[in-house]
Amino acid sequence: MNEDGRIIGLHLNSGERNSKRLDTRYCIVFEVKDGRMISGREHFFHLANRDDVWS
């Protein structure tokens, strides 16, 4: 955790849905306060790929 109370998790999402393939990296930025996660935001590297698979 850094000085402003944030932790970053990096991930690779892979999968297939309705013959559409998902392979994209993303990160989640968690905000931590008093030792507890209070929020999280996802940031996708290929948002168009993610949207195509889930549309």
PDB file of N, CA and C in Angstrom:
ATOM      1  N   MET A   1       0.859  -1.173   0.000  1.00  0.00           N
ATOM      2  CA  MET A   1       0.000   0.000   0.000  1.00  0.00           C
ATOM      3  C   MET A   1       0.896   1.224   0.000  1.00  0.00           C
ATOM      4  N   ASN A   2       0.483   2.247  -0.770  1.00  0.00           N
ATOM      5  CA  ASN A   2       1.276   3.468  -0.792  1.00  0.00           C
ATOM      6  C   ASN A   2       0.759   4.469   0.236  1.00  0.00           C
ATOM      7  N   GLU A   3       1.336   5.646   0.248  1.00  0.00           N
ATOM      8  CA  GLU A   3       1.026   6.650   1.263  1.00  0.00           C
ATOM      9  C   GLU A   3      -0.410   7.162   1.224  1.00  0.00           C
ATOM     10  N   ASP A   4      -1.062   7.119   0.062  1.00  0.00           N
ATOM     11  CA  ASP A   4      -2.426   7.657  -0.022  1.00  0.00           C
ATOM     12  C   ASP A   4      -3.505   6.593   0.187  1.00  0.00           C
ATOM     13  N   GLY A   5      -3.112   5.388   0.636  1.00  0.00           N
ATOM     14  CA  GLY A   5      -4.096   4.368   0.973  1.00  0.00           C
ATOM     15  C   GLY A   5      -4.659   3.613  -0.206  1.00  0.00           C
ATOM     16  N   ARG A   6      -3.856   3.414  -1.254  1.00  0.00           N
ATOM     17  CA  ARG A   6      -4.337   2.679  -2.432  1.00  0.00           C
ATOM     18  C   ARG A   6      -3.471   1.452  -2.688  1.00  0.00           C
ATOM     19  N   ILE A   7      -4.127   0.400  -3.158  1.00  0.00           N
ATOM     20  CA  ILE A   7      -3.464  -0.837  -3.569  1.00  0.00           C
ATOM     21  C   ILE A   7      -3.918  -1.127  -4.989  1.00  0.00           C
ATOM     22  N   ILE A   8      -2.989  -1.570  -5.841  1.00  0.00           N
ATOM     23  CA  ILE A   8      -3.317  -1.876  -7.233  1.00  0.00           C
ATOM     24  C   ILE A   8      -3.108  -3.359  -7.481  1.00  0.00           C
ATOM     25  N   GLY A   9      -4.127  -4.002  -8.064  1.00  0.00           N
ATOM     26  CA  GLY A   9      -4.034  -5.401  -8.467  1.00  0.00           C
ATOM     27  C   GLY A   9      -4.068  -5.484  -9.984  1.00  0.00           C
ATOM     28  N   LEU A  10      -3.099  -6.183 -10.590  1.00  0.00           N
ATOM     29  CA  LEU A  10      -3.040  -6.365 -12.040  1.00  0.00           C
ATOM     30  C   LEU A  10      -3.493  -7.774 -12.382  1.00  0.00           C
ATOM     31  N   HIS A  11      -4.339  -7.890 -13.427  1.00  0.00           N
ATOM     32  CA  HIS A  11      -4.933  -9.180 -13.774  1.00  0.00           C
ATOM     33  C   HIS A  11      -5.019  -9.343 -15.288  1.00  0.00           C
ATOM     34  N   LEU A  12      -5.167 -10.574 -15.711  1.00  0.00           N
ATOM     35  CA  LEU A  12      -5.451 -10.911 -17.108  1.00  0.00           C
ATOM     36  C   LEU A  12      -6.778 -11.647 -17.142  1.00  0.00           C
ATOM     37  N   ASN A  13      -7.731 -11.100 -17.863  1.00  0.00           N
ATOM     38  CA  ASN A  13      -9.029 -11.756 -18.049  1.00  0.00           C
ATOM     39  C   ASN A  13      -8.989 -12.533 -19.351  1.00  0.00           C
ATOM     40  N   SER A  14      -9.330 -13.797 -19.298  1.00  0.00           N
ATOM     41  CA  SER A  14      -9.411 -14.645 -20.482  1.00  0.00           C
ATOM     42  C   SER A  14     -10.687 -15.454 -20.398  1.00  0.00           C
ATOM     43  N   GLY A  15     -11.355 -15.614 -21.527  1.00  0.00           N
ATOM     44  CA  GLY A  15     -12.551 -16.422 -21.544  1.00  0.00           C
ATOM     45  C   GLY A  15     -13.227 -16.370 -22.893  1.00  0.00           C
ATOM     46  N   GLU A  16     -14.314 -17.099 -22.986  1.00  0.00           N
ATOM     47  CA  GLU A  16     -15.083 -17.133 -24.221  1.00  0.00           C
ATOM     48  C   GLU A  16     -16.560 -17.100 -23.869  1.00  0.00           C
ATOM     49  N   ARG A  17     -17.315 -16.322 -24.627  1.00  0.00           N
ATOM     50  CA  ARG A  17     -18.762 -16.209 -24.415  1.00  0.00           C
ATOM     51  C   ARG A  17     -19.440 -16.036 -25.762  1.00  0.00           C
ATOM     52  N   ASN A  18     -20.362 -16.912 -26.077  1.00  0.00           N
ATOM     53  CA  ASN A  18     -21.082 -16.850 -27.367  1.00  0.00           C
ATOM     54  C   ASN A  18     -20.116 -16.745 -28.545  1.00  0.00           C
ATOM     55  N   SER A  19     -19.068 -17.565 -28.525  1.00  0.00           N
ATOM     56  CA  SER A  19     -18.044 -17.624 -29.584  1.00  0.00           C
ATOM     57  C   SER A  19     -17.195 -16.360 -29.677  1.00  0.00           C
ATOM     58  N   LYS A  20     -17.273 -15.481 -28.701  1.00  0.00           N
ATOM     59  CA  LYS A  20     -16.430 -14.282 -28.669  1.00  0.00           C
ATOM     60  C   LYS A  20     -15.350 -14.492 -27.620  1.00  0.00           C
ATOM     61  N   ARG A  21     -14.127 -14.133 -27.943  1.00  0.00           N
ATOM     62  CA  ARG A  21     -12.970 -14.367 -27.086  1.00  0.00           C
ATOM     63  C   ARG A  21     -12.574 -13.102 -26.333  1.00  0.00           C
ATOM     64  N   LEU A  22     -12.341 -13.241 -25.044  1.00  0.00           N
ATOM     65  CA  LEU A  22     -11.872 -12.141 -24.202  1.00  0.00           C
ATOM     66  C   LEU A  22     -10.452 -12.447 -23.744  1.00  0.00           C
ATOM     67  N   ASP A  23      -9.525 -11.587 -24.056  1.00  0.00           N
ATOM     68  CA  ASP A  23      -8.144 -11.630 -23.574  1.00  0.00           C
ATOM     69  C   ASP A  23      -7.712 -10.188 -23.365  1.00  0.00           C
ATOM     70  N   THR A  24      -7.824  -9.712 -22.162  1.00  0.00           N
ATOM     71  CA  THR A  24      -7.446  -8.329 -21.901  1.00  0.00           C
ATOM     72  C   THR A  24      -6.876  -8.187 -20.494  1.00  0.00           C
ATOM     73  N   ARG A  25      -5.933  -7.307 -20.364  1.00  0.00           N
ATOM     74  CA  ARG A  25      -5.366  -6.997 -19.054  1.00  0.00           C
ATOM     75  C   ARG A  25      -6.186  -5.884 -18.425  1.00  0.00           C
ATOM     76  N   TYR A  26      -6.223  -5.894 -17.104  1.00  0.00           N
ATOM     77  CA  TYR A  26      -6.872  -4.806 -16.401  1.00  0.00           C
ATOM     78  C   TYR A  26      -6.287  -4.681 -15.007  1.00  0.00           C
ATOM     79  N   CYS A  27      -6.578  -3.568 -14.388  1.00  0.00           N
ATOM     80  CA  CYS A  27      -6.146  -3.398 -13.006  1.00  0.00           C
ATOM     81  C   CYS A  27      -7.331  -2.903 -12.183  1.00  0.00           C
ATOM     82  N   ILE A  28      -7.270  -3.213 -10.910  1.00  0.00           N
ATOM     83  CA  ILE A  28      -8.246  -2.700  -9.961  1.00  0.00           C
ATOM     84  C   ILE A  28      -7.482  -1.852  -8.954  1.00  0.00           C
ATOM     85  N   VAL A  29      -7.938  -0.632  -8.758  1.00  0.00           N
ATOM     86  CA  VAL A  29      -7.346   0.257  -7.769  1.00  0.00           C
ATOM     87  C   VAL A  29      -8.274   0.265  -6.560  1.00  0.00           C
ATOM     88  N   PHE A  30      -7.791  -0.274  -5.453  1.00  0.00           N
ATOM     89  CA  PHE A  30      -8.561  -0.333  -4.218  1.00  0.00           C
ATOM     90  C   PHE A  30      -8.154   0.826  -3.317  1.00  0.00           C
ATOM     91  N   GLU A  31      -9.131   1.438  -2.696  1.00  0.00           N
ATOM     92  CA  GLU A  31      -8.868   2.457  -1.693  1.00  0.00           C
ATOM     93  C   GLU A  31      -9.067   1.823  -0.321  1.00  0.00           C
ATOM     94  N   VAL A  32      -8.086   2.005   0.558  1.00  0.00           N
ATOM     95  CA  VAL A  32      -8.097   1.371   1.875  1.00  0.00           C
ATOM     96  C   VAL A  32      -8.107   2.444   2.958  1.00  0.00           C
ATOM     97  N   LYS A  33      -8.962   2.237   3.938  1.00  0.00           N
ATOM     98  CA  LYS A  33      -9.033   3.163   5.070  1.00  0.00           C
ATOM     99  C   LYS A  33      -9.196   2.344   6.344  1.00  0.00           C
ATOM    100  N   ASP A  34      -8.372   2.615   7.313  1.00  0.00           N
ATOM    101  CA  ASP A  34      -8.410   1.892   8.591  1.00  0.00           C
ATOM    102  C   ASP A  34      -8.321   0.381   8.401  1.00  0.00           C
ATOM    103  N   GLY A  35      -7.491  -0.048   7.431  1.00  0.00           N
ATOM    104  CA  GLY A  35      -7.287  -1.469   7.202  1.00  0.00           C
ATOM    105  C   GLY A  35      -8.390  -2.179   6.442  1.00  0.00           C
ATOM    106  N   ARG A  36      -9.375  -1.431   5.920  1.00  0.00           N
ATOM    107  CA  ARG A  36     -10.496  -2.033   5.183  1.00  0.00           C
ATOM    108  C   ARG A  36     -10.607  -1.417   3.789  1.00  0.00           C
ATOM    109  N   MET A  37     -10.963  -2.249   2.811  1.00  0.00           N
ATOM    110  CA  MET A  37     -11.200  -1.730   1.462  1.00  0.00           C
ATOM    111  C   MET A  37     -12.534  -0.994   1.453  1.00  0.00           C
ATOM    112  N   ILE A  38     -12.514   0.249   0.994  1.00  0.00           N
ATOM    113  CA  ILE A  38     -13.753   1.021   0.967  1.00  0.00           C
ATOM    114  C   ILE A  38     -14.248   1.272  -0.456  1.00  0.00           C
ATOM    115  N   SER A  39     -13.380   1.050  -1.455  1.00  0.00           N
ATOM    116  CA  SER A  39     -13.828   1.180  -2.837  1.00  0.00           C
ATOM    117  C   SER A  39     -12.841   0.480  -3.757  1.00  0.00           C
ATOM    118  N   GLY A  40     -13.283   0.237  -4.978  1.00  0.00           N
ATOM    119  CA  GLY A  40     -12.435  -0.364  -6.002  1.00  0.00           C
ATOM    120  C   GLY A  40     -12.898   0.075  -7.374  1.00  0.00           C
ATOM    121  N   ARG A  41     -11.943   0.397  -8.236  1.00  0.00           N
ATOM    122  CA  ARG A  41     -12.252   0.806  -9.616  1.00  0.00           C
ATOM    123  C   ARG A  41     -11.474  -0.051 -10.586  1.00  0.00           C
ATOM    124  N   GLU A  42     -12.171  -0.557 -11.614  1.00  0.00           N
ATOM    125  CA  GLU A  42     -11.519  -1.355 -12.647  1.00  0.00           C
ATOM    126  C   GLU A  42     -11.112  -0.457 -13.803  1.00  0.00           C
ATOM    127  N   HIS A  43      -9.942  -0.746 -14.361  1.00  0.00           N
ATOM    128  CA  HIS A  43      -9.422  -0.026 -15.521  1.00  0.00           C
ATOM    129  C   HIS A  43      -8.974  -1.076 -16.537  1.00  0.00           C
ATOM    130  N   PHE A  44      -9.653  -1.114 -17.698  1.00  0.00           N
ATOM    131  CA  PHE A  44      -9.381  -2.105 -18.731  1.00  0.00           C
ATOM    132  C   PHE A  44      -8.446  -1.530 -19.783  1.00  0.00           C
ATOM    133  N   PHE A  45      -7.519  -2.364 -20.279  1.00  0.00           N
ATOM    134  CA  PHE A  45      -6.596  -1.931 -21.308  1.00  0.00           C
ATOM    135  C   PHE A  45      -7.242  -1.981 -22.689  1.00  0.00           C
ATOM    136  N   HIS A  46      -8.202  -2.881 -22.899  1.00  0.00           N
ATOM    137  CA  HIS A  46      -8.914  -2.994 -24.173  1.00  0.00           C
ATOM    138  C   HIS A  46     -10.413  -3.000 -23.875  1.00  0.00           C
ATOM    139  N   LEU A  47     -10.948  -1.847 -23.603  1.00  0.00           N
ATOM    140  CA  LEU A  47     -12.356  -1.732 -23.237  1.00  0.00           C
ATOM    141  C   LEU A  47     -13.270  -2.214 -24.358  1.00  0.00           C
ATOM    142  N   ALA A  48     -12.898  -1.965 -25.613  1.00  0.00           N
ATOM    143  CA  ALA A  48     -13.730  -2.394 -26.745  1.00  0.00           C
ATOM    144  C   ALA A  48     -13.859  -3.914 -26.784  1.00  0.00           C
ATOM    145  N   ASN A  49     -12.768  -4.638 -26.481  1.00  0.00           N
ATOM    146  CA  ASN A  49     -12.816  -6.104 -26.454  1.00  0.00           C
ATOM    147  C   ASN A  49     -13.737  -6.581 -25.350  1.00  0.00           C
ATOM    148  N   ARG A  50     -13.638  -5.998 -24.180  1.00  0.00           N
ATOM    149  CA  ARG A  50     -14.491  -6.361 -23.059  1.00  0.00           C
ATOM    150  C   ARG A  50     -15.956  -6.100 -23.392  1.00  0.00           C
ATOM    151  N   ASP A  51     -16.248  -4.932 -23.949  1.00  0.00           N
ATOM    152  CA  ASP A  51     -17.628  -4.588 -24.301  1.00  0.00           C
ATOM    153  C   ASP A  51     -18.190  -5.531 -25.366  1.00  0.00           C
ATOM    154  N   ASP A  52     -17.350  -5.903 -26.340  1.00  0.00           N
ATOM    155  CA  ASP A  52     -17.805  -6.798 -27.402  1.00  0.00           C
ATOM    156  C   ASP A  52     -18.216  -8.157 -26.845  1.00  0.00           C
ATOM    157  N   VAL A  53     -17.429  -8.692 -25.923  1.00  0.00           N
ATOM    158  CA  VAL A  53     -17.732 -10.005 -25.346  1.00  0.00           C
ATOM    159  C   VAL A  53     -18.996  -9.947 -24.493  1.00  0.00           C
ATOM    160  N   TRP A  54     -19.207  -8.888 -23.753  1.00  0.00           N
ATOM    161  CA  TRP A  54     -20.343  -8.813 -22.838  1.00  0.00           C
ATOM    162  C   TRP A  54     -21.586  -8.167 -23.443  1.00  0.00           C
ATOM    163  N   SER A  55     -21.533  -7.752 -24.701  1.00  0.00           N
ATOM    164  CA  SER A  55     -22.724  -7.137 -25.319  1.00  0.00           C
ATOM    165  C   SER A  55     -23.641  -8.189 -25.899  1.00  0.00           C
TER     166      SER A  55
END
